[in-house]
Amino acid sequence: MQIEMMMDREELKRAVELWNRSHRNYPLREGFVEQNLLAPYTGVEVELFSAHKDGDLAGMAALKWFSGDVSDHIDHNRGFISLFTAEHDVRGRLLDFCLDFLGERGAEEIRLGGDPQNFLPGLPAEFGGDELDFWQEAGFRAGEPVYDLKRTYGGGGYPLQFDFAGDQNHLRIVRCERNLRDDLLQFLEREFPGRWHYEARNICRWPAGLRDYWLLLDTSADEGEEFAAGDYAVLGFARVNRSDGYYRGPNLNWPGDSGLPEAGVGPLGLAASARGRGLSLPFLDGIFCRLYERGYREIIIDWTELVEFYNKFGFDVRRRYIPLTLTRKNS
C-alpha cells in the first residue's frame, strides 16, 4: 500500500467518489468539499491523503489541525480526522499514518469529525458496530451520542406555538445587518467565547454571511426603526444556514429527505442574564416562522443532545452519531 498527498482536484474528485460509493447515505454534496476543505477558516491547516493498493484508490483521509492558538478558548493542541474511509485491509495502516501525521504537528487530542467546517460530529451510528470497534481498538474513546433532527412543514402557514410574555413586548427578533456586526461579535466573545465566536468571525467575511445570523434584542426602538447606540441590548443569537445561501453550515451537509427547500438552524444561545426567563422557545419559534415565510420547508438541527427540547417543535431524530476522541501525549 502507498499513501500519498493529494495534489490536484482530479485526485480529490476520485476520493469523493470513493467516499460516496462507500457511504451512500452520506454523499458529499457539490460545493461543500470546496467550502469545508479548500477554503479553511483562519488558523486551520488542511491536508488530504489517498491510499493506493495495487495501483487502485483504496482509501482517503482529510486531516485538519490548528496552525497556532487561534483563540484563548480554542485548544491548538487538537487535531481532527474530518473524513476517513478505506478498504478493510488498508484502513489500519492509513489510520496509523493519520495519527502520526497529526501527532507530528502537535496534536495531543485527535477527534473523528467535530472539526471547524465539519462534515460529521462523530461516527454515524449506522456505519455499524464493526466500524465502532475499529476506532475503539485504535484507542479512541466514545462519548455520549449526539443527533441531527428534522421537521418538514406542509402548506397552510406556520402556526406560532410560543409567544413572549405580555411584559416582554420590547423584545425583537432581527436579522443581523452590517450595523449590528460588532454587537454580534462582542456578544459571542462575551457569552460564548471559543468556537461559536471563532466561527462567526470567519463566516461574517463571506458575502451575506453576516445576514444569516439572527439576534434577540431588548430594545426601546420602534418596529422598523433604525437602531442607535444605547437603544438595545443583545440577549441571544441564532445562526441560520440556507440551501441557497453562500455559506452553508454543517446542518446542510447531507441532502434532505423531502426534496423541499432546506434550512438549518444552529448554533444558538441566550446570554447568561437572559436564561430562565422563558425566552428560548418564542425566540426559536420566531426564527422557524421567518424561515417558513421565506419558503424553507425542511428544517434541520444538527449535532445536538437536546432531543426532548426540539420535540416541542415537532422535530424528530434524523441521524445519530458517536463522538470519538483519542488522547496521546507527545514526547
C-alpha atoms as a PDB file:
ATOM      1  CA  MET A   1       0.000   0.000   0.000  1.00  0.00           C
ATOM      2  CA  GLN A   2       1.153   3.532  -0.777  1.00  0.00           C
ATOM      3  CA  ILE A   3      -0.095   6.700   0.929  1.00  0.00           C
ATOM      4  CA  GLU A   4       0.243   9.952  -0.986  1.00  0.00           C
ATOM      5  CA  MET A   5      -0.712  13.585  -0.537  1.00  0.00           C
ATOM      6  CA  MET A   6      -3.487  14.619  -2.924  1.00  0.00           C
ATOM      7  CA  MET A   7      -2.085  17.229  -5.271  1.00  0.00           C
ATOM      8  CA  ASP A   8      -4.932  18.234  -7.570  1.00  0.00           C
ATOM      9  CA  ARG A   9      -8.697  18.406  -7.967  1.00  0.00           C
ATOM     10  CA  GLU A  10      -8.884  15.253 -10.085  1.00  0.00           C
ATOM     11  CA  GLU A  11      -7.425  13.226  -7.215  1.00  0.00           C
ATOM     12  CA  LEU A  12      -9.846  14.840  -4.806  1.00  0.00           C
ATOM     13  CA  LYS A  13     -12.732  14.071  -7.166  1.00  0.00           C
ATOM     14  CA  ARG A  14     -11.806  10.379  -7.182  1.00  0.00           C
ATOM     15  CA  ALA A  15     -11.558  10.423  -3.388  1.00  0.00           C
ATOM     16  CA  VAL A  16     -15.036  11.966  -3.124  1.00  0.00           C
ATOM     17  CA  GLU A  17     -16.373   9.277  -5.451  1.00  0.00           C
ATOM     18  CA  LEU A  18     -14.817   6.607  -3.224  1.00  0.00           C
ATOM     19  CA  TRP A  19     -16.480   8.132  -0.152  1.00  0.00           C
ATOM     20  CA  ASN A  20     -19.847   8.348  -1.903  1.00  0.00           C
ATOM     21  CA  ARG A  21     -19.703   4.724  -3.034  1.00  0.00           C
ATOM     22  CA  SER A  22     -18.837   3.618   0.489  1.00  0.00           C
ATOM     23  CA  HIS A  23     -21.341   5.826   2.337  1.00  0.00           C
ATOM     24  CA  ARG A  24     -24.384   6.282   0.125  1.00  0.00           C
ATOM     25  CA  ASN A  25     -26.486   7.791   2.919  1.00  0.00           C
ATOM     26  CA  TYR A  26     -23.829  10.478   3.487  1.00  0.00           C
ATOM     27  CA  PRO A  27     -22.997  11.735  -0.007  1.00  0.00           C
ATOM     28  CA  LEU A  28     -20.599  14.674  -0.153  1.00  0.00           C
ATOM     29  CA  ARG A  29     -22.624  17.436  -1.792  1.00  0.00           C
ATOM     30  CA  GLU A  30     -21.386  19.639  -4.583  1.00  0.00           C
ATOM     31  CA  GLY A  31     -19.772  22.786  -3.202  1.00  0.00           C
ATOM     32  CA  PHE A  32     -19.372  21.530   0.363  1.00  0.00           C
ATOM     33  CA  VAL A  33     -15.988  19.915  -0.321  1.00  0.00           C
ATOM     34  CA  GLU A  34     -14.775  23.193  -1.814  1.00  0.00           C
ATOM     35  CA  GLN A  35     -16.055  25.145   1.185  1.00  0.00           C
ATOM     36  CA  ASN A  36     -15.099  22.824   4.035  1.00  0.00           C
ATOM     37  CA  LEU A  37     -11.734  21.558   2.803  1.00  0.00           C
ATOM     38  CA  LEU A  38     -10.384  24.029   0.267  1.00  0.00           C
ATOM     39  CA  ALA A  39     -11.430  27.310   1.937  1.00  0.00           C
ATOM     40  CA  PRO A  40     -10.496  26.747   5.599  1.00  0.00           C
ATOM     41  CA  TYR A  41     -11.041  29.167   8.459  1.00  0.00           C
ATOM     42  CA  THR A  42      -8.153  31.338   9.570  1.00  0.00           C
ATOM     43  CA  GLY A  43      -5.624  29.394  11.595  1.00  0.00           C
ATOM     44  CA  VAL A  44      -6.716  25.983  10.315  1.00  0.00           C
ATOM     45  CA  GLU A  45      -4.410  23.796   8.241  1.00  0.00           C
ATOM     46  CA  VAL A  46      -5.807  21.078   5.951  1.00  0.00           C
ATOM     47  CA  GLU A  47      -4.130  18.157   4.231  1.00  0.00           C
ATOM     48  CA  LEU A  48      -5.649  15.453   2.062  1.00  0.00           C
ATOM     49  CA  PHE A  49      -4.276  11.938   1.607  1.00  0.00           C
ATOM     50  CA  SER A  50      -5.093   8.956  -0.587  1.00  0.00           C
ATOM     51  CA  ALA A  51      -4.125   5.307  -0.087  1.00  0.00           C
ATOM     52  CA  HIS A  52      -3.443   3.095  -3.109  1.00  0.00           C
ATOM     53  CA  LYS A  53      -3.314  -0.685  -3.300  1.00  0.00           C
ATOM     54  CA  ASP A  54      -2.090  -2.375  -6.472  1.00  0.00           C
ATOM     55  CA  GLY A  55      -2.373   0.986  -8.205  1.00  0.00           C
ATOM     56  CA  ASP A  56      -6.059   1.495  -7.298  1.00  0.00           C
ATOM     57  CA  LEU A  57      -7.515   4.033  -4.894  1.00  0.00           C
ATOM     58  CA  ALA A  58      -8.345   2.159  -1.685  1.00  0.00           C
ATOM     59  CA  GLY A  59      -8.722   4.892   0.933  1.00  0.00           C
ATOM     60  CA  MET A  60      -8.857   8.617   1.617  1.00  0.00           C
ATOM     61  CA  ALA A  61      -8.453  10.905   4.629  1.00  0.00           C
ATOM     62  CA  ALA A  62      -8.931  14.627   5.231  1.00  0.00           C
ATOM     63  CA  LEU A  63      -6.977  15.985   8.212  1.00  0.00           C
ATOM     64  CA  LYS A  64      -7.171  19.348   9.988  1.00  0.00           C
ATOM     65  CA  TRP A  65      -5.189  20.988  12.746  1.00  0.00           C
ATOM     66  CA  PHE A  66      -4.637  24.468  14.124  1.00  0.00           C
ATOM     67  CA  SER A  67      -1.553  26.334  12.979  1.00  0.00           C
ATOM     68  CA  GLY A  68      -1.478  28.322  16.201  1.00  0.00           C
ATOM     69  CA  ASP A  69      -3.524  29.343  19.207  1.00  0.00           C
ATOM     70  CA  VAL A  70      -6.320  30.974  17.216  1.00  0.00           C
ATOM     71  CA  SER A  71      -8.223  31.897  20.366  1.00  0.00           C
ATOM     72  CA  ASP A  72      -7.700  31.853  24.103  1.00  0.00           C
ATOM     73  CA  HIS A  73     -10.608  29.410  24.224  1.00  0.00           C
ATOM     74  CA  ILE A  74      -9.710  27.030  21.371  1.00  0.00           C
ATOM     75  CA  ASP A  75      -7.108  24.374  22.106  1.00  0.00           C
ATOM     76  CA  HIS A  76      -4.440  24.484  19.431  1.00  0.00           C
ATOM     77  CA  ASN A  77      -3.217  21.040  20.550  1.00  0.00           C
ATOM     78  CA  ARG A  78      -6.270  19.460  18.932  1.00  0.00           C
ATOM     79  CA  GLY A  79      -6.302  17.703  15.560  1.00  0.00           C
ATOM     80  CA  PHE A  80      -9.156  16.300  13.506  1.00  0.00           C
ATOM     81  CA  ILE A  81      -9.838  13.494  11.084  1.00  0.00           C
ATOM     82  CA  SER A  82     -12.525  15.255   9.097  1.00  0.00           C
ATOM     83  CA  LEU A  83     -13.204  12.426   6.633  1.00  0.00           C
ATOM     84  CA  PHE A  84     -11.883   8.875   6.575  1.00  0.00           C
ATOM     85  CA  THR A  85     -12.807   5.835   4.510  1.00  0.00           C
ATOM     86  CA  ALA A  86     -10.759   2.878   3.347  1.00  0.00           C
ATOM     87  CA  GLU A  87     -10.994  -0.753   2.345  1.00  0.00           C
ATOM     88  CA  HIS A  88     -10.825  -3.165   5.250  1.00  0.00           C
ATOM     89  CA  ASP A  89      -7.244  -4.332   4.694  1.00  0.00           C
ATOM     90  CA  VAL A  90      -5.981  -0.755   4.234  1.00  0.00           C
ATOM     91  CA  ARG A  91      -7.702   1.243   6.943  1.00  0.00           C
ATOM     92  CA  GLY A  92      -5.433   0.265   9.832  1.00  0.00           C
ATOM     93  CA  ARG A  93      -2.259   1.485   8.138  1.00  0.00           C
ATOM     94  CA  LEU A  94      -3.972   4.605   6.824  1.00  0.00           C
ATOM     95  CA  LEU A  95      -5.243   5.475  10.306  1.00  0.00           C
ATOM     96  CA  ASP A  96      -1.777   4.938  11.824  1.00  0.00           C
ATOM     97  CA  PHE A  97      -0.382   7.310   9.207  1.00  0.00           C
ATOM     98  CA  CYS A  98      -3.027   9.941  10.041  1.00  0.00           C
ATOM     99  CA  LEU A  99      -2.373   9.708  13.776  1.00  0.00           C
ATOM    100  CA  ASP A 100       1.392  10.031  13.296  1.00  0.00           C
ATOM    101  CA  PHE A 101       0.951  12.943  10.896  1.00  0.00           C
ATOM    102  CA  LEU A 102      -1.261  14.887  13.314  1.00  0.00           C
ATOM    103  CA  GLY A 103       0.958  13.974  16.257  1.00  0.00           C
ATOM    104  CA  GLU A 104       3.980  15.406  14.486  1.00  0.00           C
ATOM    105  CA  ARG A 105       2.050  18.673  14.224  1.00  0.00           C
ATOM    106  CA  GLY A 106       1.448  18.871  17.936  1.00  0.00           C
ATOM    107  CA  ALA A 107      -1.998  17.268  18.183  1.00  0.00           C
ATOM    108  CA  GLU A 108      -2.391  15.695  21.604  1.00  0.00           C
ATOM    109  CA  GLU A 109      -6.140  15.205  21.232  1.00  0.00           C
ATOM    110  CA  ILE A 110      -7.463  13.823  17.941  1.00  0.00           C
ATOM    111  CA  ARG A 111     -11.150  13.730  17.091  1.00  0.00           C
ATOM    112  CA  LEU A 112     -13.073  11.955  14.391  1.00  0.00           C
ATOM    113  CA  GLY A 113     -15.175  14.774  12.996  1.00  0.00           C
ATOM    114  CA  GLY A 114     -16.190  17.800  15.012  1.00  0.00           C
ATOM    115  CA  ASP A 115     -13.646  19.903  13.135  1.00  0.00           C
ATOM    116  CA  PRO A 116     -14.020  23.523  12.053  1.00  0.00           C
ATOM    117  CA  GLN A 117     -16.299  23.373   8.974  1.00  0.00           C
ATOM    118  CA  ASN A 118     -17.126  19.788   9.878  1.00  0.00           C
ATOM    119  CA  PHE A 119     -18.898  17.157   7.840  1.00  0.00           C
ATOM    120  CA  LEU A 120     -19.585  14.887  10.824  1.00  0.00           C
ATOM    121  CA  PRO A 121     -19.753  15.416  14.608  1.00  0.00           C
ATOM    122  CA  GLY A 122     -18.636  11.837  15.123  1.00  0.00           C
ATOM    123  CA  LEU A 123     -19.058   8.341  13.736  1.00  0.00           C
ATOM    124  CA  PRO A 124     -22.522   7.806  12.205  1.00  0.00           C
ATOM    125  CA  ALA A 125     -24.153   5.052  14.262  1.00  0.00           C
ATOM    126  CA  GLU A 126     -25.490   3.397  11.120  1.00  0.00           C
ATOM    127  CA  PHE A 127     -21.929   2.640   9.996  1.00  0.00           C
ATOM    128  CA  GLY A 128     -22.254  -0.298  12.385  1.00  0.00           C
ATOM    129  CA  GLY A 129     -20.570  -1.980  15.303  1.00  0.00           C
ATOM    130  CA  ASP A 130     -17.607  -3.232  13.299  1.00  0.00           C
ATOM    131  CA  GLU A 131     -16.678   0.326  12.384  1.00  0.00           C
ATOM    132  CA  LEU A 132     -17.003   1.470  16.002  1.00  0.00           C
ATOM    133  CA  ASP A 133     -14.853  -1.473  17.105  1.00  0.00           C
ATOM    134  CA  PHE A 134     -12.150  -0.414  14.649  1.00  0.00           C
ATOM    135  CA  TRP A 135     -11.867   3.076  16.148  1.00  0.00           C
ATOM    136  CA  GLN A 136     -12.043   1.890  19.746  1.00  0.00           C
ATOM    137  CA  GLU A 137      -9.365  -0.748  19.137  1.00  0.00           C
ATOM    138  CA  ALA A 138      -7.175   2.104  17.855  1.00  0.00           C
ATOM    139  CA  GLY A 139      -7.569   3.839  21.225  1.00  0.00           C
ATOM    140  CA  PHE A 140     -10.483   6.223  20.563  1.00  0.00           C
ATOM    141  CA  ARG A 141     -12.987   6.605  23.377  1.00  0.00           C
ATOM    142  CA  ALA A 142     -16.685   7.057  22.678  1.00  0.00           C
ATOM    143  CA  GLY A 143     -18.703   9.956  24.046  1.00  0.00           C
ATOM    144  CA  GLU A 144     -22.437  10.322  24.535  1.00  0.00           C
ATOM    145  CA  PRO A 145     -24.436  10.179  21.286  1.00  0.00           C
ATOM    146  CA  VAL A 146     -25.475  13.369  19.510  1.00  0.00           C
ATOM    147  CA  TYR A 147     -28.191  13.780  16.920  1.00  0.00           C
ATOM    148  CA  ASP A 148     -29.384  15.504  13.783  1.00  0.00           C
ATOM    149  CA  LEU A 149     -33.084  16.386  13.922  1.00  0.00           C
ATOM    150  CA  LYS A 150     -35.520  17.478  11.241  1.00  0.00           C
ATOM    151  CA  ARG A 151     -39.013  18.755  10.691  1.00  0.00           C
ATOM    152  CA  THR A 152     -40.829  19.089   7.366  1.00  0.00           C
ATOM    153  CA  TYR A 153     -43.610  21.652   7.081  1.00  0.00           C
ATOM    154  CA  GLY A 154     -46.552  21.436   4.705  1.00  0.00           C
ATOM    155  CA  GLY A 155     -48.643  24.263   3.328  1.00  0.00           C
ATOM    156  CA  GLY A 156     -51.192  26.305   5.182  1.00  0.00           C
ATOM    157  CA  GLY A 157     -48.934  28.710   7.009  1.00  0.00           C
ATOM    158  CA  TYR A 158     -46.777  28.488  10.107  1.00  0.00           C
ATOM    159  CA  PRO A 159     -48.717  28.200  13.393  1.00  0.00           C
ATOM    160  CA  LEU A 160     -46.789  30.055  16.093  1.00  0.00           C
ATOM    161  CA  GLN A 161     -46.784  27.982  19.280  1.00  0.00           C
ATOM    162  CA  PHE A 162     -44.870  30.159  21.749  1.00  0.00           C
ATOM    163  CA  ASP A 163     -45.185  33.856  22.495  1.00  0.00           C
ATOM    164  CA  PHE A 164     -43.092  36.226  24.540  1.00  0.00           C
ATOM    165  CA  ALA A 165     -44.843  37.049  27.804  1.00  0.00           C
ATOM    166  CA  GLY A 166     -47.014  40.127  27.870  1.00  0.00           C
ATOM    167  CA  ASP A 167     -44.408  42.193  29.689  1.00  0.00           C
ATOM    168  CA  GLN A 168     -41.769  41.290  27.068  1.00  0.00           C
ATOM    169  CA  ASN A 169     -43.193  43.242  24.125  1.00  0.00           C
ATOM    170  CA  HIS A 170     -39.967  45.224  23.979  1.00  0.00           C
ATOM    171  CA  LEU A 171     -38.137  42.122  22.690  1.00  0.00           C
ATOM    172  CA  ARG A 172     -37.486  41.860  18.972  1.00  0.00           C
ATOM    173  CA  ILE A 173     -36.062  39.222  16.641  1.00  0.00           C
ATOM    174  CA  VAL A 174     -33.978  40.920  13.959  1.00  0.00           C
ATOM    175  CA  ARG A 175     -31.693  39.881  11.155  1.00  0.00           C
ATOM    176  CA  CYS A 176     -28.079  40.848  11.717  1.00  0.00           C
ATOM    177  CA  GLU A 177     -27.267  43.695   9.351  1.00  0.00           C
ATOM    178  CA  ARG A 178     -23.911  45.387   8.996  1.00  0.00           C
ATOM    179  CA  ASN A 179     -24.717  47.960  11.658  1.00  0.00           C
ATOM    180  CA  LEU A 180     -25.092  45.084  14.165  1.00  0.00           C
ATOM    181  CA  ARG A 181     -21.926  43.191  13.228  1.00  0.00           C
ATOM    182  CA  ASP A 182     -19.854  44.439  16.154  1.00  0.00           C
ATOM    183  CA  ASP A 183     -22.731  43.762  18.539  1.00  0.00           C
ATOM    184  CA  LEU A 184     -22.952  40.131  17.364  1.00  0.00           C
ATOM    185  CA  LEU A 185     -19.220  39.523  17.692  1.00  0.00           C
ATOM    186  CA  GLN A 186     -18.934  41.265  21.053  1.00  0.00           C
ATOM    187  CA  PHE A 187     -21.918  39.289  22.350  1.00  0.00           C
ATOM    188  CA  LEU A 188     -20.369  35.988  21.249  1.00  0.00           C
ATOM    189  CA  GLU A 189     -16.953  36.886  22.624  1.00  0.00           C
ATOM    190  CA  ARG A 190     -18.523  37.711  25.973  1.00  0.00           C
ATOM    191  CA  GLU A 191     -21.170  34.979  26.272  1.00  0.00           C
ATOM    192  CA  PHE A 192     -19.826  32.136  24.116  1.00  0.00           C
ATOM    193  CA  PRO A 193     -16.058  32.569  23.759  1.00  0.00           C
ATOM    194  CA  GLY A 194     -14.388  29.895  21.691  1.00  0.00           C
ATOM    195  CA  ARG A 195     -15.821  28.019  18.742  1.00  0.00           C
ATOM    196  CA  TRP A 196     -19.028  29.983  18.142  1.00  0.00           C
ATOM    197  CA  HIS A 197     -17.236  33.315  18.268  1.00  0.00           C
ATOM    198  CA  TYR A 198     -14.420  31.956  16.091  1.00  0.00           C
ATOM    199  CA  GLU A 199     -16.895  30.609  13.516  1.00  0.00           C
ATOM    200  CA  ALA A 200     -18.797  33.888  13.356  1.00  0.00           C
ATOM    201  CA  ARG A 201     -15.611  35.901  12.765  1.00  0.00           C
ATOM    202  CA  ASN A 202     -14.907  33.710   9.743  1.00  0.00           C
ATOM    203  CA  ILE A 203     -18.446  33.403   8.376  1.00  0.00           C
ATOM    204  CA  CYS A 204     -19.011  37.156   8.600  1.00  0.00           C
ATOM    205  CA  ARG A 205     -16.270  37.575   5.980  1.00  0.00           C
ATOM    206  CA  TRP A 206     -18.368  35.679   3.411  1.00  0.00           C
ATOM    207  CA  PRO A 207     -20.816  37.569   1.179  1.00  0.00           C
ATOM    208  CA  ALA A 208     -24.086  37.869   3.120  1.00  0.00           C
ATOM    209  CA  GLY A 209     -22.667  35.591   5.814  1.00  0.00           C
ATOM    210  CA  LEU A 210     -23.488  38.142   8.480  1.00  0.00           C
ATOM    211  CA  ARG A 211     -27.167  38.310   7.428  1.00  0.00           C
ATOM    212  CA  ASP A 212     -27.718  34.640   8.231  1.00  0.00           C
ATOM    213  CA  TYR A 213     -27.334  35.465  11.918  1.00  0.00           C
ATOM    214  CA  TRP A 214     -30.429  36.495  13.867  1.00  0.00           C
ATOM    215  CA  LEU A 215     -30.436  38.400  17.144  1.00  0.00           C
ATOM    216  CA  LEU A 216     -32.842  38.671  20.041  1.00  0.00           C
ATOM    217  CA  LEU A 217     -32.777  42.292  21.153  1.00  0.00           C
ATOM    218  CA  ASP A 218     -34.108  44.038  24.204  1.00  0.00           C
ATOM    219  CA  THR A 219     -34.862  47.386  22.581  1.00  0.00           C
ATOM    220  CA  SER A 220     -36.672  50.649  23.044  1.00  0.00           C
ATOM    221  CA  ALA A 221     -36.708  51.351  19.299  1.00  0.00           C
ATOM    222  CA  ASP A 222     -39.998  51.097  17.442  1.00  0.00           C
ATOM    223  CA  GLU A 223     -40.612  48.351  14.898  1.00  0.00           C
ATOM    224  CA  GLY A 224     -38.739  49.165  11.690  1.00  0.00           C
ATOM    225  CA  GLU A 225     -36.784  51.980  13.285  1.00  0.00           C
ATOM    226  CA  GLU A 226     -33.006  52.158  12.758  1.00  0.00           C
ATOM    227  CA  PHE A 227     -31.079  51.222  15.868  1.00  0.00           C
ATOM    228  CA  ALA A 228     -28.953  53.807  17.628  1.00  0.00           C
ATOM    229  CA  ALA A 229     -26.310  53.318  20.294  1.00  0.00           C
ATOM    230  CA  GLY A 230     -27.866  52.649  23.674  1.00  0.00           C
ATOM    231  CA  ASP A 231     -31.277  51.680  22.280  1.00  0.00           C
ATOM    232  CA  TYR A 232     -30.846  47.930  22.657  1.00  0.00           C
ATOM    233  CA  ALA A 233     -29.039  45.047  24.300  1.00  0.00           C
ATOM    234  CA  VAL A 234     -28.323  41.693  22.652  1.00  0.00           C
ATOM    235  CA  LEU A 235     -29.939  38.851  24.607  1.00  0.00           C
ATOM    236  CA  GLY A 236     -29.472  35.970  22.169  1.00  0.00           C
ATOM    237  CA  PHE A 237     -28.307  34.832  18.753  1.00  0.00           C
ATOM    238  CA  ALA A 238     -29.029  32.091  16.231  1.00  0.00           C
ATOM    239  CA  ARG A 239     -27.216  31.036  13.076  1.00  0.00           C
ATOM    240  CA  VAL A 240     -29.330  30.046  10.051  1.00  0.00           C
ATOM    241  CA  ASN A 241     -27.975  28.134   7.057  1.00  0.00           C
ATOM    242  CA  ARG A 242     -29.961  28.203   3.833  1.00  0.00           C
ATOM    243  CA  SER A 243     -29.688  25.716   0.977  1.00  0.00           C
ATOM    244  CA  ASP A 244     -29.409  28.658  -1.429  1.00  0.00           C
ATOM    245  CA  GLY A 245     -27.069  30.726   0.762  1.00  0.00           C
ATOM    246  CA  TYR A 246     -23.434  31.477   0.023  1.00  0.00           C
ATOM    247  CA  TYR A 247     -22.095  29.921   3.220  1.00  0.00           C
ATOM    248  CA  ARG A 248     -23.862  26.690   4.166  1.00  0.00           C
ATOM    249  CA  GLY A 249     -23.125  25.306   7.598  1.00  0.00           C
ATOM    250  CA  PRO A 250     -22.969  21.664   8.676  1.00  0.00           C
ATOM    251  CA  ASN A 251     -26.694  21.207   9.269  1.00  0.00           C
ATOM    252  CA  LEU A 252     -26.970  21.165   5.466  1.00  0.00           C
ATOM    253  CA  ASN A 253     -24.103  18.740   4.781  1.00  0.00           C
ATOM    254  CA  TRP A 254     -26.399  15.877   3.823  1.00  0.00           C
ATOM    255  CA  PRO A 255     -29.326  16.065   1.397  1.00  0.00           C
ATOM    256  CA  GLY A 256     -32.770  16.409   2.906  1.00  0.00           C
ATOM    257  CA  ASP A 257     -35.421  13.731   2.694  1.00  0.00           C
ATOM    258  CA  SER A 258     -38.321  15.745   1.299  1.00  0.00           C
ATOM    259  CA  GLY A 259     -36.810  17.421  -1.756  1.00  0.00           C
ATOM    260  CA  LEU A 260     -38.223  20.730  -0.464  1.00  0.00           C
ATOM    261  CA  PRO A 261     -36.144  23.885   0.158  1.00  0.00           C
ATOM    262  CA  GLU A 262     -33.948  23.346   3.221  1.00  0.00           C
ATOM    263  CA  ALA A 263     -32.595  25.452   6.044  1.00  0.00           C
ATOM    264  CA  GLY A 264     -30.604  24.589   9.131  1.00  0.00           C
ATOM    265  CA  VAL A 265     -30.679  26.333  12.493  1.00  0.00           C
ATOM    266  CA  GLY A 266     -27.755  26.403  14.917  1.00  0.00           C
ATOM    267  CA  PRO A 267     -25.741  27.211  16.802  1.00  0.00           C
ATOM    268  CA  LEU A 268     -27.866  29.391  19.038  1.00  0.00           C
ATOM    269  CA  GLY A 269     -27.833  30.635  22.597  1.00  0.00           C
ATOM    270  CA  LEU A 270     -29.013  33.203  25.110  1.00  0.00           C
ATOM    271  CA  ALA A 271     -26.972  35.494  27.322  1.00  0.00           C
ATOM    272  CA  ALA A 272     -26.469  34.187  30.844  1.00  0.00           C
ATOM    273  CA  SER A 273     -28.636  37.037  32.152  1.00  0.00           C
ATOM    274  CA  ALA A 274     -31.499  36.039  29.821  1.00  0.00           C
ATOM    275  CA  ARG A 275     -31.696  32.339  30.706  1.00  0.00           C
ATOM    276  CA  GLY A 276     -34.530  31.024  32.812  1.00  0.00           C
ATOM    277  CA  ARG A 277     -36.923  33.732  31.593  1.00  0.00           C
ATOM    278  CA  GLY A 278     -38.825  31.651  29.046  1.00  0.00           C
ATOM    279  CA  LEU A 279     -37.204  33.316  26.025  1.00  0.00           C
ATOM    280  CA  SER A 280     -35.693  30.391  24.123  1.00  0.00           C
ATOM    281  CA  LEU A 281     -38.960  28.854  22.897  1.00  0.00           C
ATOM    282  CA  PRO A 282     -40.518  32.047  21.441  1.00  0.00           C
ATOM    283  CA  PHE A 283     -37.119  33.105  20.028  1.00  0.00           C
ATOM    284  CA  LEU A 284     -36.755  29.821  18.141  1.00  0.00           C
ATOM    285  CA  ASP A 285     -40.419  29.797  17.146  1.00  0.00           C
ATOM    286  CA  GLY A 286     -39.990  33.233  15.608  1.00  0.00           C
ATOM    287  CA  ILE A 287     -36.963  32.086  13.601  1.00  0.00           C
ATOM    288  CA  PHE A 288     -38.740  28.960  12.329  1.00  0.00           C
ATOM    289  CA  CYS A 289     -41.667  31.169  11.296  1.00  0.00           C
ATOM    290  CA  ARG A 290     -39.393  33.554   9.381  1.00  0.00           C
ATOM    291  CA  LEU A 291     -37.789  30.630   7.558  1.00  0.00           C
ATOM    292  CA  TYR A 292     -41.214  29.284   6.649  1.00  0.00           C
ATOM    293  CA  GLU A 293     -42.297  32.692   5.337  1.00  0.00           C
ATOM    294  CA  ARG A 294     -39.183  32.718   3.122  1.00  0.00           C
ATOM    295  CA  GLY A 295     -40.107  29.369   1.578  1.00  0.00           C
ATOM    296  CA  TYR A 296     -37.997  26.874   3.534  1.00  0.00           C
ATOM    297  CA  ARG A 297     -39.962  23.742   4.332  1.00  0.00           C
ATOM    298  CA  GLU A 298     -37.414  21.232   5.679  1.00  0.00           C
ATOM    299  CA  ILE A 299     -35.609  22.467   8.794  1.00  0.00           C
ATOM    300  CA  ILE A 300     -32.620  20.640  10.262  1.00  0.00           C
ATOM    301  CA  ILE A 301     -30.964  20.911  13.670  1.00  0.00           C
ATOM    302  CA  ASP A 302     -27.554  19.230  13.751  1.00  0.00           C
ATOM    303  CA  TRP A 303     -25.161  17.955  16.431  1.00  0.00           C
ATOM    304  CA  THR A 304     -27.442  18.275  19.442  1.00  0.00           C
ATOM    305  CA  GLU A 305     -28.236  16.327  22.591  1.00  0.00           C
ATOM    306  CA  LEU A 306     -31.475  18.279  23.183  1.00  0.00           C
ATOM    307  CA  VAL A 307     -33.896  15.857  21.556  1.00  0.00           C
ATOM    308  CA  GLU A 308     -36.733  16.425  24.038  1.00  0.00           C
ATOM    309  CA  PHE A 309     -36.404  20.200  23.755  1.00  0.00           C
ATOM    310  CA  TYR A 310     -36.786  20.174  19.969  1.00  0.00           C
ATOM    311  CA  ASN A 311     -39.594  17.618  20.177  1.00  0.00           C
ATOM    312  CA  LYS A 312     -41.677  20.572  21.408  1.00  0.00           C
ATOM    313  CA  PHE A 313     -41.433  21.996  17.876  1.00  0.00           C
ATOM    314  CA  GLY A 314     -42.207  18.670  16.205  1.00  0.00           C
ATOM    315  CA  PHE A 315     -38.619  17.706  15.348  1.00  0.00           C
ATOM    316  CA  ASP A 316     -37.692  14.023  15.079  1.00  0.00           C
ATOM    317  CA  VAL A 317     -34.337  12.257  15.117  1.00  0.00           C
ATOM    318  CA  ARG A 318     -32.839  12.004  11.656  1.00  0.00           C
ATOM    319  CA  ARG A 319     -29.315  10.700  12.369  1.00  0.00           C
ATOM    320  CA  ARG A 320     -27.283   9.581  15.384  1.00  0.00           C
ATOM    321  CA  TYR A 321     -23.517   9.990  15.843  1.00  0.00           C
ATOM    322  CA  ILE A 322     -20.960   8.705  18.332  1.00  0.00           C
ATOM    323  CA  PRO A 323     -18.204  11.245  19.185  1.00  0.00           C
ATOM    324  CA  LEU A 324     -14.763   9.609  19.185  1.00  0.00           C
ATOM    325  CA  THR A 325     -11.606  11.082  20.731  1.00  0.00           C
ATOM    326  CA  LEU A 326      -8.041   9.827  21.086  1.00  0.00           C
ATOM    327  CA  THR A 327      -5.667  11.388  23.610  1.00  0.00           C
ATOM    328  CA  ARG A 328      -1.961  10.888  23.118  1.00  0.00           C
ATOM    329  CA  LYS A 329       0.861  12.839  24.717  1.00  0.00           C
ATOM    330  CA  ASN A 330       3.764  13.761  22.501  1.00  0.00           C
ATOM    331  CA  SER A 331       7.274  13.329  23.845  1.00  0.00           C
END
